[in-house]
Amino acid sequence: IKFQYNPSVDKYFPDFLLENNKIIEVQGDYFHCNQKKYLSGPNEQQINFIIKDYYKKCFYESNDFKTLYIWESDIKNSTKEIEEKICLFFRL
């Protein structure tokens, strides 16, 4: 899969930019507040990341980018499944 790592897309920097306007964003469990791990909800720092993520998602959607979000813990614990998700996403 051909990709660019952390390129500039307007004022955003997606983790991976693939062909055909596809983006993969890796969500760090702490900063993006993975609710499977942080059951008490986000703290102030996490809330700031969540708000930024929302605006970035709106920008991607309004500019016809298809985006796959992957959690850090899923990469660590379910590598094979994540590889399959990425391959399927690339073929869409």
N, C-alpha and C. Protein backbone atom coordinates (compact mmCIF):
# COMPACT_ATOMS: atom_id res chain seq x y z
N ILE A 1 0.85 -1.18 0.00
CA ILE A 1 0.00 0.00 0.00
C ILE A 1 0.89 1.23 0.00
N LYS A 2 0.70 2.08 -0.99
CA LYS A 2 1.45 3.33 -1.03
C LYS A 2 0.79 4.35 -0.11
N PHE A 3 1.61 5.05 0.66
CA PHE A 3 1.07 6.04 1.59
C PHE A 3 2.09 7.13 1.87
N GLN A 4 1.59 8.23 2.42
CA GLN A 4 2.44 9.30 2.93
C GLN A 4 2.23 9.32 4.44
N TYR A 5 3.32 9.46 5.16
CA TYR A 5 3.23 9.52 6.62
C TYR A 5 3.17 10.97 7.08
N ASN A 6 2.12 11.31 7.80
CA ASN A 6 1.95 12.62 8.43
C ASN A 6 2.10 13.80 7.47
N PRO A 7 1.45 13.74 6.30
CA PRO A 7 1.55 14.86 5.35
C PRO A 7 0.66 16.03 5.77
N SER A 8 0.90 17.15 5.20
CA SER A 8 0.05 18.32 5.43
C SER A 8 -1.16 18.24 4.51
N VAL A 9 -2.34 18.29 5.11
CA VAL A 9 -3.61 18.33 4.37
C VAL A 9 -4.36 19.53 4.93
N ASP A 10 -4.24 20.64 4.22
CA ASP A 10 -4.75 21.91 4.71
C ASP A 10 -4.04 22.20 6.02
N LYS A 11 -4.77 22.36 7.13
CA LYS A 11 -4.11 22.64 8.41
C LYS A 11 -3.98 21.39 9.29
N TYR A 12 -4.28 20.23 8.72
CA TYR A 12 -4.25 18.98 9.48
C TYR A 12 -3.10 18.10 8.99
N PHE A 13 -2.73 17.14 9.84
CA PHE A 13 -1.64 16.23 9.54
C PHE A 13 -2.08 14.80 9.87
N PRO A 14 -2.78 14.16 8.93
CA PRO A 14 -3.23 12.79 9.20
C PRO A 14 -2.03 11.86 9.38
N ASP A 15 -2.24 10.80 10.14
CA ASP A 15 -1.14 9.85 10.36
C ASP A 15 -0.69 9.22 9.05
N PHE A 16 -1.65 8.75 8.26
CA PHE A 16 -1.32 8.12 6.98
C PHE A 16 -2.31 8.59 5.92
N LEU A 17 -1.79 9.04 4.79
CA LEU A 17 -2.62 9.41 3.65
C LEU A 17 -2.38 8.40 2.55
N LEU A 18 -3.44 7.70 2.17
CA LEU A 18 -3.36 6.69 1.13
C LEU A 18 -3.90 7.27 -0.17
N GLU A 19 -3.83 6.47 -1.22
CA GLU A 19 -4.39 6.88 -2.50
C GLU A 19 -5.91 7.03 -2.38
N ASN A 20 -6.50 7.71 -3.33
CA ASN A 20 -7.96 7.84 -3.42
C ASN A 20 -8.59 8.51 -2.19
N ASN A 21 -7.92 9.52 -1.66
CA ASN A 21 -8.47 10.29 -0.53
C ASN A 21 -8.83 9.43 0.67
N LYS A 22 -7.95 8.52 1.02
CA LYS A 22 -8.18 7.68 2.20
C LYS A 22 -7.14 8.03 3.26
N ILE A 23 -7.61 8.07 4.49
CA ILE A 23 -6.76 8.45 5.62
C ILE A 23 -6.90 7.39 6.70
N ILE A 24 -5.77 7.09 7.34
CA ILE A 24 -5.78 6.25 8.53
C ILE A 24 -5.28 7.10 9.68
N GLU A 25 -6.08 7.16 10.73
CA GLU A 25 -5.71 7.89 11.94
C GLU A 25 -5.54 6.88 13.07
N VAL A 26 -4.40 6.92 13.73
CA VAL A 26 -4.14 6.07 14.88
C VAL A 26 -4.43 6.90 16.13
N GLN A 27 -5.36 6.41 16.92
CA GLN A 27 -5.79 7.13 18.11
C GLN A 27 -5.06 6.57 19.32
N GLY A 28 -4.21 7.38 19.93
CA GLY A 28 -3.57 6.96 21.16
C GLY A 28 -4.61 6.80 22.26
N ASP A 29 -4.53 5.71 23.00
CA ASP A 29 -5.54 5.42 24.02
C ASP A 29 -5.68 6.53 25.05
N TYR A 30 -4.56 7.08 25.52
CA TYR A 30 -4.65 8.11 26.55
C TYR A 30 -5.16 9.43 25.97
N PHE A 31 -4.45 9.98 24.99
CA PHE A 31 -4.77 11.32 24.52
C PHE A 31 -6.14 11.43 23.89
N HIS A 32 -6.59 10.37 23.23
CA HIS A 32 -7.89 10.42 22.57
C HIS A 32 -8.98 9.74 23.41
N CYS A 33 -8.62 9.34 24.62
CA CYS A 33 -9.53 8.80 25.64
C CYS A 33 -10.32 7.59 25.14
N ASN A 34 -9.62 6.49 24.91
CA ASN A 34 -10.28 5.25 24.56
C ASN A 34 -11.22 4.86 25.71
N GLN A 35 -12.50 4.86 25.45
CA GLN A 35 -13.48 4.63 26.51
C GLN A 35 -13.49 3.20 27.02
N LYS A 36 -12.82 2.30 26.31
CA LYS A 36 -12.66 0.94 26.83
C LYS A 36 -11.65 0.92 27.98
N LYS A 37 -10.75 1.90 27.99
CA LYS A 37 -9.71 1.94 29.02
C LYS A 37 -9.95 3.01 30.07
N TYR A 38 -10.61 4.08 29.70
CA TYR A 38 -10.83 5.21 30.61
C TYR A 38 -12.32 5.36 30.86
N LEU A 39 -12.83 4.48 31.69
CA LEU A 39 -14.27 4.39 31.92
C LEU A 39 -14.83 5.62 32.63
N SER A 40 -13.99 6.34 33.36
CA SER A 40 -14.49 7.51 34.08
C SER A 40 -14.64 8.72 33.18
N GLY A 41 -14.26 8.58 31.93
CA GLY A 41 -14.43 9.68 30.98
C GLY A 41 -13.19 10.52 30.84
N PRO A 42 -13.22 11.46 29.92
CA PRO A 42 -12.03 12.24 29.62
C PRO A 42 -11.71 13.30 30.68
N ASN A 43 -10.40 13.54 30.83
CA ASN A 43 -9.97 14.66 31.66
C ASN A 43 -9.85 15.89 30.76
N GLU A 44 -9.42 17.01 31.32
CA GLU A 44 -9.38 18.26 30.55
C GLU A 44 -8.46 18.16 29.33
N GLN A 45 -7.30 17.55 29.50
CA GLN A 45 -6.36 17.40 28.38
C GLN A 45 -6.97 16.54 27.27
N GLN A 46 -7.62 15.46 27.66
CA GLN A 46 -8.25 14.58 26.68
C GLN A 46 -9.40 15.28 25.97
N ILE A 47 -10.15 16.08 26.69
CA ILE A 47 -11.26 16.83 26.08
C ILE A 47 -10.74 17.73 24.96
N ASN A 48 -9.61 18.37 25.18
CA ASN A 48 -9.03 19.22 24.13
C ASN A 48 -8.70 18.41 22.88
N PHE A 49 -8.15 17.21 23.05
CA PHE A 49 -7.86 16.36 21.89
C PHE A 49 -9.13 15.91 21.20
N ILE A 50 -10.14 15.58 21.97
CA ILE A 50 -11.42 15.13 21.41
C ILE A 50 -12.06 16.24 20.57
N ILE A 51 -11.98 17.46 21.05
CA ILE A 51 -12.53 18.60 20.28
C ILE A 51 -11.75 18.78 18.98
N LYS A 52 -10.43 18.73 19.04
CA LYS A 52 -9.61 18.85 17.82
C LYS A 52 -9.93 17.71 16.86
N ASP A 53 -10.09 16.51 17.40
CA ASP A 53 -10.44 15.35 16.56
C ASP A 53 -11.76 15.57 15.84
N TYR A 54 -12.72 16.17 16.52
CA TYR A 54 -14.03 16.42 15.92
C TYR A 54 -13.90 17.36 14.71
N TYR A 55 -13.15 18.45 14.89
CA TYR A 55 -12.98 19.39 13.78
C TYR A 55 -12.22 18.75 12.61
N LYS A 56 -11.24 17.94 12.94
CA LYS A 56 -10.48 17.26 11.89
C LYS A 56 -11.40 16.29 11.14
N LYS A 57 -12.22 15.55 11.87
CA LYS A 57 -13.16 14.62 11.24
C LYS A 57 -14.13 15.36 10.32
N CYS A 58 -14.64 16.50 10.78
CA CYS A 58 -15.55 17.31 9.95
C CYS A 58 -14.86 17.78 8.68
N PHE A 59 -13.61 18.20 8.80
CA PHE A 59 -12.85 18.63 7.62
C PHE A 59 -12.69 17.47 6.64
N TYR A 60 -12.28 16.31 7.15
CA TYR A 60 -12.10 15.16 6.27
C TYR A 60 -13.39 14.82 5.55
N GLU A 61 -14.48 14.74 6.29
CA GLU A 61 -15.76 14.37 5.69
C GLU A 61 -16.22 15.39 4.66
N SER A 62 -16.04 16.66 4.95
CA SER A 62 -16.50 17.69 4.02
C SER A 62 -15.61 17.80 2.78
N ASN A 63 -14.45 17.16 2.82
CA ASN A 63 -13.54 17.17 1.68
C ASN A 63 -13.40 15.78 1.05
N ASP A 64 -14.40 14.96 1.28
CA ASP A 64 -14.51 13.63 0.65
C ASP A 64 -13.35 12.69 0.97
N PHE A 65 -12.80 12.79 2.16
CA PHE A 65 -11.82 11.80 2.61
C PHE A 65 -12.56 10.69 3.33
N LYS A 66 -12.17 9.46 3.05
CA LYS A 66 -12.66 8.32 3.82
C LYS A 66 -11.61 8.05 4.88
N THR A 67 -12.06 7.87 6.12
CA THR A 67 -11.12 7.77 7.22
C THR A 67 -11.34 6.51 8.03
N LEU A 68 -10.25 5.82 8.33
CA LEU A 68 -10.25 4.66 9.20
C LEU A 68 -9.55 5.06 10.49
N TYR A 69 -10.24 4.87 11.62
CA TYR A 69 -9.67 5.18 12.92
C TYR A 69 -9.29 3.87 13.61
N ILE A 70 -8.06 3.84 14.13
CA ILE A 70 -7.57 2.64 14.79
C ILE A 70 -7.04 3.02 16.18
N TRP A 71 -7.45 2.27 17.19
CA TRP A 71 -6.98 2.52 18.54
C TRP A 71 -5.61 1.87 18.78
N GLU A 72 -4.79 2.57 19.52
CA GLU A 72 -3.46 2.08 19.90
C GLU A 72 -3.53 0.67 20.50
N SER A 73 -4.43 0.46 21.43
CA SER A 73 -4.53 -0.84 22.10
C SER A 73 -4.93 -1.95 21.13
N ASP A 74 -5.73 -1.62 20.10
CA ASP A 74 -6.09 -2.62 19.10
C ASP A 74 -4.87 -3.03 18.27
N ILE A 75 -4.00 -2.08 17.98
CA ILE A 75 -2.78 -2.41 17.24
C ILE A 75 -1.91 -3.35 18.07
N LYS A 76 -1.81 -3.06 19.36
CA LYS A 76 -0.98 -3.88 20.25
C LYS A 76 -1.57 -5.26 20.50
N ASN A 77 -2.90 -5.34 20.61
CA ASN A 77 -3.55 -6.58 21.03
C ASN A 77 -4.21 -7.39 19.93
N SER A 78 -4.45 -6.78 18.79
CA SER A 78 -5.19 -7.46 17.71
C SER A 78 -4.54 -7.15 16.36
N THR A 79 -3.26 -7.37 16.27
CA THR A 79 -2.50 -6.97 15.09
C THR A 79 -3.06 -7.57 13.81
N LYS A 80 -3.37 -8.83 13.81
CA LYS A 80 -3.86 -9.49 12.60
C LYS A 80 -5.19 -8.88 12.14
N GLU A 81 -6.08 -8.63 13.08
CA GLU A 81 -7.38 -8.04 12.75
C GLU A 81 -7.20 -6.62 12.19
N ILE A 82 -6.27 -5.88 12.75
CA ILE A 82 -6.02 -4.52 12.26
C ILE A 82 -5.44 -4.57 10.85
N GLU A 83 -4.54 -5.50 10.60
CA GLU A 83 -4.00 -5.65 9.24
C GLU A 83 -5.13 -5.94 8.26
N GLU A 84 -6.05 -6.80 8.63
CA GLU A 84 -7.19 -7.13 7.77
C GLU A 84 -8.08 -5.90 7.54
N LYS A 85 -8.32 -5.12 8.60
CA LYS A 85 -9.13 -3.90 8.47
C LYS A 85 -8.49 -2.93 7.49
N ILE A 86 -7.19 -2.77 7.60
CA ILE A 86 -6.48 -1.83 6.71
C ILE A 86 -6.55 -2.31 5.27
N CYS A 87 -6.35 -3.60 5.04
CA CYS A 87 -6.42 -4.14 3.68
C CYS A 87 -7.81 -3.97 3.09
N LEU A 88 -8.82 -4.23 3.89
CA LEU A 88 -10.20 -4.07 3.42
C LEU A 88 -10.49 -2.59 3.13
N PHE A 89 -10.07 -1.72 4.02
CA PHE A 89 -10.26 -0.28 3.83
C PHE A 89 -9.59 0.18 2.55
N PHE A 90 -8.39 -0.29 2.29
CA PHE A 90 -7.66 0.10 1.09
C PHE A 90 -8.40 -0.32 -0.18
N ARG A 91 -9.06 -1.46 -0.13
CA ARG A 91 -9.76 -1.97 -1.32
C ARG A 91 -11.10 -1.30 -1.57
N LEU A 92 -11.65 -0.57 -0.60
CA LEU A 92 -12.96 0.07 -0.77
C LEU A 92 -12.95 1.06 -1.92
